[in-house]
C-alpha cells in the first residue's frame, strides 16, 4: 500500500524559509507524479507544486519564484523548499501521489488539481507569523 510521510513543517516568521519532505513507500512505478497541496482554515485545498519522474515541474502563481520542488530518487523523497514565506502561506501542507490511471493526464505538466491525486500523506502544518 502506498504511503506518503511528510515532515519539515513548523513555525517561522515572515520572510523565513522551510523545507518540507515527502517520503514515499510502495509507490514503485517506472513513471510517477507527486505534488504538494495545502489547505488553510476555512479555505479550499489548493495545489502548490508538482513534479514528475521526467523532472517536469509546475507551480501555483502564488508561490512561483519562492517555492522549489525537487526529488531524490535514491531516497524516494520529494522536497519543497519554501523561501520568502508569507503569513498567507500558513496552511496544512499535504504530499500526494497520482495513481497510474491518471498518468497520461499529467504526463507533460504535473497537476495542481487534487482530482488526480489518489494517495495522500497525513499533512504537516506550516505557520508563518508576521
N, C-alpha and C. Protein backbone atom coordinates (compact mmCIF):
# COMPACT_ATOMS: atom_id res chain seq x y z
N UNK A 1 0.85 -1.18 0.00
CA UNK A 1 0.00 0.00 0.00
C UNK A 1 0.89 1.24 0.00
N UNK A 2 0.55 2.19 -0.87
CA UNK A 2 1.34 3.42 -0.98
C UNK A 2 1.21 4.22 0.32
N UNK A 3 2.35 4.67 0.81
CA UNK A 3 2.37 5.52 1.99
C UNK A 3 3.22 6.74 1.71
N UNK A 4 2.74 7.90 2.12
CA UNK A 4 3.47 9.15 1.98
C UNK A 4 3.59 9.78 3.36
N UNK A 5 4.79 10.13 3.73
CA UNK A 5 5.03 10.70 5.05
C UNK A 5 5.71 12.05 4.89
N UNK A 6 5.03 13.10 5.35
CA UNK A 6 5.59 14.45 5.26
C UNK A 6 6.33 14.79 6.55
N UNK A 7 7.28 15.68 6.41
CA UNK A 7 7.99 16.21 7.56
C UNK A 7 8.53 17.58 7.22
N UNK A 8 8.95 18.31 8.24
CA UNK A 8 9.60 19.59 8.00
C UNK A 8 8.75 20.81 8.27
N UNK A 9 7.50 20.61 8.64
CA UNK A 9 6.66 21.76 8.95
C UNK A 9 7.10 22.44 10.23
N UNK A 10 6.52 23.59 10.51
CA UNK A 10 6.85 24.30 11.73
C UNK A 10 6.37 25.73 11.66
N UNK A 11 6.89 26.53 12.58
CA UNK A 11 6.52 27.94 12.67
C UNK A 11 7.71 28.81 12.33
N UNK A 12 7.50 29.77 11.46
CA UNK A 12 8.55 30.69 11.07
C UNK A 12 7.99 32.08 10.97
N UNK A 13 8.86 33.05 10.98
CA UNK A 13 8.43 34.43 10.78
C UNK A 13 8.38 34.75 9.29
N UNK A 14 7.63 35.76 8.98
CA UNK A 14 7.51 36.20 7.59
C UNK A 14 8.90 36.48 7.02
N UNK A 15 9.11 35.98 5.81
CA UNK A 15 10.41 36.12 5.17
C UNK A 15 11.32 34.94 5.38
N UNK A 16 10.94 34.05 6.27
CA UNK A 16 11.76 32.89 6.58
C UNK A 16 11.61 31.77 5.56
N UNK A 17 12.29 30.66 5.85
CA UNK A 17 12.31 29.52 4.93
C UNK A 17 12.04 28.22 5.67
N UNK A 18 11.50 27.27 4.93
CA UNK A 18 11.30 25.92 5.44
C UNK A 18 11.48 24.96 4.27
N UNK A 19 11.89 23.74 4.57
CA UNK A 19 11.90 22.70 3.56
C UNK A 19 11.05 21.54 4.04
N UNK A 20 10.06 21.22 3.25
CA UNK A 20 9.22 20.08 3.54
C UNK A 20 9.73 18.86 2.77
N UNK A 21 9.60 17.70 3.39
CA UNK A 21 9.99 16.45 2.76
C UNK A 21 8.80 15.51 2.69
N UNK A 22 8.77 14.72 1.65
CA UNK A 22 7.74 13.72 1.49
C UNK A 22 8.41 12.41 1.08
N UNK A 23 8.40 11.45 1.97
CA UNK A 23 9.00 10.16 1.68
C UNK A 23 7.90 9.20 1.26
N UNK A 24 8.10 8.58 0.10
CA UNK A 24 7.09 7.68 -0.44
C UNK A 24 7.56 6.23 -0.32
N UNK A 25 6.65 5.38 0.06
CA UNK A 25 6.94 3.95 0.09
C UNK A 25 5.87 3.21 -0.68
N UNK A 26 6.29 2.13 -1.33
CA UNK A 26 5.38 1.30 -2.11
C UNK A 26 4.79 2.05 -3.30
N UNK A 27 5.37 3.18 -3.67
CA UNK A 27 4.94 3.92 -4.86
C UNK A 27 6.02 3.68 -5.90
N UNK A 28 6.02 2.46 -6.42
CA UNK A 28 7.17 1.99 -7.20
C UNK A 28 6.79 1.77 -8.65
N UNK A 29 6.39 2.83 -9.32
CA UNK A 29 6.09 2.76 -10.74
C UNK A 29 7.28 3.30 -11.52
N UNK A 30 7.40 2.86 -12.76
CA UNK A 30 8.52 3.34 -13.58
C UNK A 30 8.36 4.82 -13.90
N UNK A 31 7.16 5.32 -13.86
CA UNK A 31 6.90 6.74 -14.06
C UNK A 31 5.95 7.17 -12.95
N UNK A 32 6.05 8.43 -12.50
CA UNK A 32 5.22 8.85 -11.39
C UNK A 32 5.03 10.36 -11.38
N UNK A 33 4.12 10.82 -10.57
CA UNK A 33 3.92 12.25 -10.39
C UNK A 33 3.46 12.50 -8.96
N UNK A 34 4.12 13.43 -8.30
CA UNK A 34 3.84 13.76 -6.90
C UNK A 34 3.67 15.26 -6.77
N UNK A 35 2.77 15.68 -5.91
CA UNK A 35 2.52 17.10 -5.72
C UNK A 35 2.40 17.48 -4.26
N UNK A 36 2.50 18.76 -4.05
CA UNK A 36 2.24 19.35 -2.73
C UNK A 36 0.99 20.21 -2.84
N UNK A 37 0.07 20.01 -1.93
CA UNK A 37 -1.15 20.80 -1.88
C UNK A 37 -1.29 21.32 -0.47
N UNK A 38 -2.06 22.38 -0.30
CA UNK A 38 -2.21 22.95 1.03
C UNK A 38 -3.66 23.35 1.27
N UNK A 39 -4.00 23.41 2.54
CA UNK A 39 -5.34 23.85 2.92
C UNK A 39 -5.25 24.72 4.16
N UNK A 40 -5.68 25.95 4.00
CA UNK A 40 -5.74 26.88 5.12
C UNK A 40 -7.12 26.80 5.76
N UNK A 41 -7.23 27.16 7.02
CA UNK A 41 -8.53 27.10 7.70
C UNK A 41 -9.58 27.90 6.96
N UNK A 42 -10.72 27.28 6.70
CA UNK A 42 -11.82 27.96 6.04
C UNK A 42 -11.66 28.09 4.55
N UNK A 43 -10.61 27.52 3.98
CA UNK A 43 -10.37 27.64 2.54
C UNK A 43 -10.32 26.27 1.90
N UNK A 44 -10.51 26.26 0.58
CA UNK A 44 -10.41 25.01 -0.15
C UNK A 44 -8.95 24.60 -0.31
N UNK A 45 -8.76 23.32 -0.50
CA UNK A 45 -7.40 22.83 -0.72
C UNK A 45 -6.93 23.28 -2.10
N UNK A 46 -5.67 23.69 -2.18
CA UNK A 46 -5.13 24.17 -3.45
C UNK A 46 -3.78 23.55 -3.72
N UNK A 47 -3.50 23.33 -4.98
CA UNK A 47 -2.21 22.80 -5.37
C UNK A 47 -1.14 23.86 -5.30
N UNK A 48 0.03 23.48 -4.84
CA UNK A 48 1.15 24.39 -4.68
C UNK A 48 2.23 24.11 -5.71
N UNK A 49 2.62 22.86 -5.81
CA UNK A 49 3.70 22.49 -6.73
C UNK A 49 3.59 21.01 -7.06
N UNK A 50 4.08 20.65 -8.23
CA UNK A 50 4.08 19.25 -8.63
C UNK A 50 5.33 18.93 -9.40
N UNK A 51 5.69 17.64 -9.39
CA UNK A 51 6.87 17.18 -10.11
C UNK A 51 6.60 15.77 -10.60
N UNK A 52 7.19 15.41 -11.74
CA UNK A 52 7.07 14.03 -12.18
C UNK A 52 8.44 13.42 -12.43
N UNK A 53 8.47 12.17 -12.81
CA UNK A 53 9.75 11.47 -12.93
C UNK A 53 10.56 11.97 -14.12
N UNK A 54 9.94 12.75 -15.01
CA UNK A 54 10.69 13.39 -16.10
C UNK A 54 11.30 14.71 -15.64
N UNK A 55 11.12 15.02 -14.36
CA UNK A 55 11.59 16.28 -13.77
C UNK A 55 10.82 17.50 -14.28
N UNK A 56 9.66 17.29 -14.88
CA UNK A 56 8.80 18.42 -15.19
C UNK A 56 8.20 18.95 -13.89
N UNK A 57 8.12 20.26 -13.77
CA UNK A 57 7.57 20.85 -12.56
C UNK A 57 6.45 21.83 -12.91
N UNK A 58 5.65 22.13 -11.92
CA UNK A 58 4.56 23.08 -12.09
C UNK A 58 4.32 23.76 -10.76
N UNK A 59 4.03 25.05 -10.79
CA UNK A 59 3.84 25.82 -9.57
C UNK A 59 2.58 26.67 -9.67
N UNK A 60 1.96 26.87 -8.53
CA UNK A 60 0.87 27.83 -8.46
C UNK A 60 1.46 29.24 -8.58
N UNK A 61 0.69 30.14 -9.16
CA UNK A 61 1.18 31.52 -9.33
C UNK A 61 1.57 32.14 -7.99
N UNK A 62 0.86 31.77 -6.95
CA UNK A 62 1.08 32.38 -5.64
C UNK A 62 2.44 32.02 -5.03
N UNK A 63 3.06 30.95 -5.52
CA UNK A 63 4.34 30.53 -4.94
C UNK A 63 5.47 30.54 -5.96
N UNK A 64 5.14 30.83 -7.21
CA UNK A 64 6.16 30.86 -8.27
C UNK A 64 7.31 31.80 -7.87
N UNK A 65 8.53 31.31 -7.97
CA UNK A 65 9.69 32.11 -7.62
C UNK A 65 10.07 32.05 -6.15
N UNK A 66 9.19 31.52 -5.32
CA UNK A 66 9.51 31.39 -3.89
C UNK A 66 9.66 29.93 -3.47
N UNK A 67 8.92 29.05 -4.08
CA UNK A 67 8.98 27.63 -3.75
C UNK A 67 9.69 26.88 -4.87
N UNK A 68 10.44 25.86 -4.47
CA UNK A 68 11.12 24.99 -5.44
C UNK A 68 10.88 23.55 -5.06
N UNK A 69 10.33 22.79 -5.98
CA UNK A 69 10.10 21.37 -5.74
C UNK A 69 11.23 20.58 -6.38
N UNK A 70 11.67 19.53 -5.69
CA UNK A 70 12.76 18.71 -6.20
C UNK A 70 12.58 17.28 -5.70
N UNK A 71 13.43 16.39 -6.17
CA UNK A 71 13.30 15.00 -5.75
C UNK A 71 14.65 14.33 -5.66
N UNK A 72 14.68 13.33 -4.81
CA UNK A 72 15.86 12.48 -4.66
C UNK A 72 15.38 11.05 -4.86
N UNK A 73 15.59 10.53 -6.06
CA UNK A 73 15.07 9.20 -6.39
C UNK A 73 15.66 8.11 -5.50
N UNK A 74 16.91 8.27 -5.15
CA UNK A 74 17.56 7.26 -4.32
C UNK A 74 16.89 7.15 -2.95
N UNK A 75 16.32 8.26 -2.50
CA UNK A 75 15.67 8.27 -1.19
C UNK A 75 14.15 8.19 -1.29
N UNK A 76 13.64 8.08 -2.51
CA UNK A 76 12.18 8.08 -2.72
C UNK A 76 11.53 9.27 -2.02
N UNK A 77 12.16 10.41 -2.15
CA UNK A 77 11.71 11.59 -1.41
C UNK A 77 11.55 12.78 -2.34
N UNK A 78 10.47 13.51 -2.14
CA UNK A 78 10.22 14.76 -2.85
C UNK A 78 10.27 15.90 -1.83
N UNK A 79 10.91 16.97 -2.21
CA UNK A 79 11.06 18.11 -1.31
C UNK A 79 10.36 19.34 -1.90
N UNK A 80 10.02 20.27 -1.04
CA UNK A 80 9.65 21.59 -1.49
C UNK A 80 10.35 22.61 -0.60
N UNK A 81 11.25 23.36 -1.20
CA UNK A 81 11.96 24.42 -0.50
C UNK A 81 11.11 25.68 -0.58
N UNK A 82 10.79 26.23 0.56
CA UNK A 82 9.89 27.37 0.62
C UNK A 82 10.65 28.56 1.19
N UNK A 83 10.87 29.57 0.36
CA UNK A 83 11.57 30.78 0.76
C UNK A 83 10.63 31.97 0.76
N UNK A 84 11.07 33.04 1.39
CA UNK A 84 10.28 34.27 1.44
C UNK A 84 8.84 33.99 1.87
N UNK A 85 8.71 33.24 2.91
CA UNK A 85 7.38 32.84 3.35
C UNK A 85 6.55 34.03 3.82
N UNK A 86 5.26 33.94 3.57
CA UNK A 86 4.32 35.00 3.91
C UNK A 86 3.25 34.42 4.85
N UNK A 87 2.61 35.27 5.64
CA UNK A 87 1.54 34.77 6.50
C UNK A 87 0.46 34.00 5.74
N UNK A 88 0.21 34.38 4.51
CA UNK A 88 -0.81 33.69 3.72
C UNK A 88 -0.37 32.30 3.27
N UNK A 89 0.88 31.94 3.51
CA UNK A 89 1.34 30.58 3.25
C UNK A 89 0.98 29.64 4.40
N UNK A 90 0.45 30.18 5.47
CA UNK A 90 0.06 29.36 6.61
C UNK A 90 -1.03 28.38 6.19
N UNK A 91 -0.77 27.10 6.41
CA UNK A 91 -1.71 26.06 5.99
C UNK A 91 -1.19 24.70 6.43
N UNK A 92 -2.05 23.71 6.30
CA UNK A 92 -1.61 22.32 6.39
C UNK A 92 -1.16 21.92 4.99
N UNK A 93 0.04 21.40 4.89
CA UNK A 93 0.60 21.01 3.60
C UNK A 93 0.58 19.50 3.48
N UNK A 94 0.06 19.06 2.35
CA UNK A 94 -0.06 17.63 2.07
C UNK A 94 0.78 17.25 0.87
N UNK A 95 1.38 16.10 0.96
CA UNK A 95 2.03 15.47 -0.16
C UNK A 95 1.06 14.45 -0.74
N UNK A 96 0.98 14.38 -2.06
CA UNK A 96 0.03 13.47 -2.68
C UNK A 96 0.64 12.88 -3.95
N UNK A 97 0.22 11.68 -4.27
CA UNK A 97 0.75 10.99 -5.45
C UNK A 97 -0.38 10.60 -6.41
N UNK A 98 -0.05 10.63 -7.69
CA UNK A 98 -1.02 10.32 -8.74
C UNK A 98 -1.07 8.83 -8.98
N UNK A 99 -2.29 8.30 -9.09
CA UNK A 99 -2.46 6.88 -9.39
C UNK A 99 -2.21 6.65 -10.88
N UNK A 100 -1.78 5.46 -11.25
CA UNK A 100 -1.45 5.16 -12.65
C UNK A 100 -2.54 5.52 -13.66
N UNK A 101 -3.80 5.44 -13.29
CA UNK A 101 -4.87 5.72 -14.25
C UNK A 101 -4.89 7.18 -14.70
N UNK A 102 -4.18 8.04 -13.96
CA UNK A 102 -4.14 9.46 -14.33
C UNK A 102 -2.80 9.86 -14.95
N UNK A 103 -1.89 8.93 -15.12
CA UNK A 103 -0.56 9.27 -15.60
C UNK A 103 -0.59 10.00 -16.94
N UNK A 104 -1.41 9.55 -17.87
CA UNK A 104 -1.44 10.19 -19.18
C UNK A 104 -1.90 11.64 -19.08
N UNK A 105 -2.81 11.90 -18.15
CA UNK A 105 -3.35 13.25 -18.00
C UNK A 105 -2.31 14.24 -17.48
N UNK A 106 -1.31 13.73 -16.78
CA UNK A 106 -0.32 14.62 -16.16
C UNK A 106 1.06 14.38 -16.72
N UNK A 107 1.13 13.76 -17.89
CA UNK A 107 2.42 13.37 -18.44
C UNK A 107 3.35 14.55 -18.67
N UNK A 108 2.82 15.60 -19.24
CA UNK A 108 3.68 16.74 -19.57
C UNK A 108 3.77 17.74 -18.44
N UNK A 109 2.66 17.98 -17.78
CA UNK A 109 2.61 19.01 -16.75
C UNK A 109 2.02 18.43 -15.47
N UNK A 110 2.79 18.39 -14.40
CA UNK A 110 2.23 17.92 -13.13
C UNK A 110 1.01 18.74 -12.75
N UNK A 111 0.02 18.06 -12.24
CA UNK A 111 -1.24 18.72 -11.95
C UNK A 111 -1.21 19.43 -10.60
N UNK A 112 -1.95 20.52 -10.51
CA UNK A 112 -2.17 21.22 -9.24
C UNK A 112 -3.59 20.97 -8.74
N UNK A 113 -4.31 20.12 -9.44
CA UNK A 113 -5.68 19.80 -9.04
C UNK A 113 -5.69 18.55 -8.17
N UNK A 114 -6.41 18.61 -7.08
CA UNK A 114 -6.45 17.47 -6.18
C UNK A 114 -7.19 16.29 -6.82
N UNK A 115 -7.90 16.53 -7.92
CA UNK A 115 -8.71 15.48 -8.52
C UNK A 115 -7.90 14.27 -8.97
N UNK A 116 -6.64 14.49 -9.35
CA UNK A 116 -5.83 13.38 -9.88
C UNK A 116 -4.98 12.69 -8.82
N UNK A 117 -5.01 13.24 -7.63
CA UNK A 117 -4.16 12.67 -6.57
C UNK A 117 -4.97 11.66 -5.77
N UNK A 118 -4.46 10.44 -5.76
CA UNK A 118 -5.16 9.33 -5.11
C UNK A 118 -4.59 9.00 -3.74
N UNK A 119 -3.29 9.13 -3.62
CA UNK A 119 -2.61 8.77 -2.38
C UNK A 119 -2.18 10.05 -1.66
N UNK A 120 -2.45 10.08 -0.35
CA UNK A 120 -2.21 11.30 0.42
C UNK A 120 -1.43 11.00 1.70
N UNK A 121 -0.58 11.95 2.08
CA UNK A 121 0.06 11.89 3.37
C UNK A 121 -0.85 12.47 4.44
N UNK A 122 -0.36 12.49 5.67
CA UNK A 122 -1.17 12.95 6.78
C UNK A 122 -1.12 14.47 6.92
N UNK A 123 -0.18 15.11 6.26
CA UNK A 123 -0.08 16.56 6.32
C UNK A 123 0.92 17.03 7.36
N UNK A 124 1.47 18.20 7.11
CA UNK A 124 2.37 18.83 8.06
C UNK A 124 2.02 20.32 8.11
N UNK A 125 1.93 20.86 9.30
CA UNK A 125 1.47 22.23 9.49
C UNK A 125 2.61 23.22 9.30
N UNK A 126 2.32 24.27 8.56
CA UNK A 126 3.25 25.39 8.40
C UNK A 126 2.53 26.65 8.86
N UNK A 127 3.16 27.36 9.77
CA UNK A 127 2.59 28.60 10.29
C UNK A 127 3.60 29.72 10.12
N UNK A 128 3.18 30.77 9.45
CA UNK A 128 4.05 31.91 9.19
C UNK A 128 3.47 33.12 9.91
N UNK A 129 4.24 33.69 10.80
CA UNK A 129 3.78 34.83 11.57
C UNK A 129 4.35 36.12 10.99
N UNK A 130 3.60 37.19 11.12
CA UNK A 130 4.03 38.48 10.55
C UNK A 130 4.89 39.25 11.53
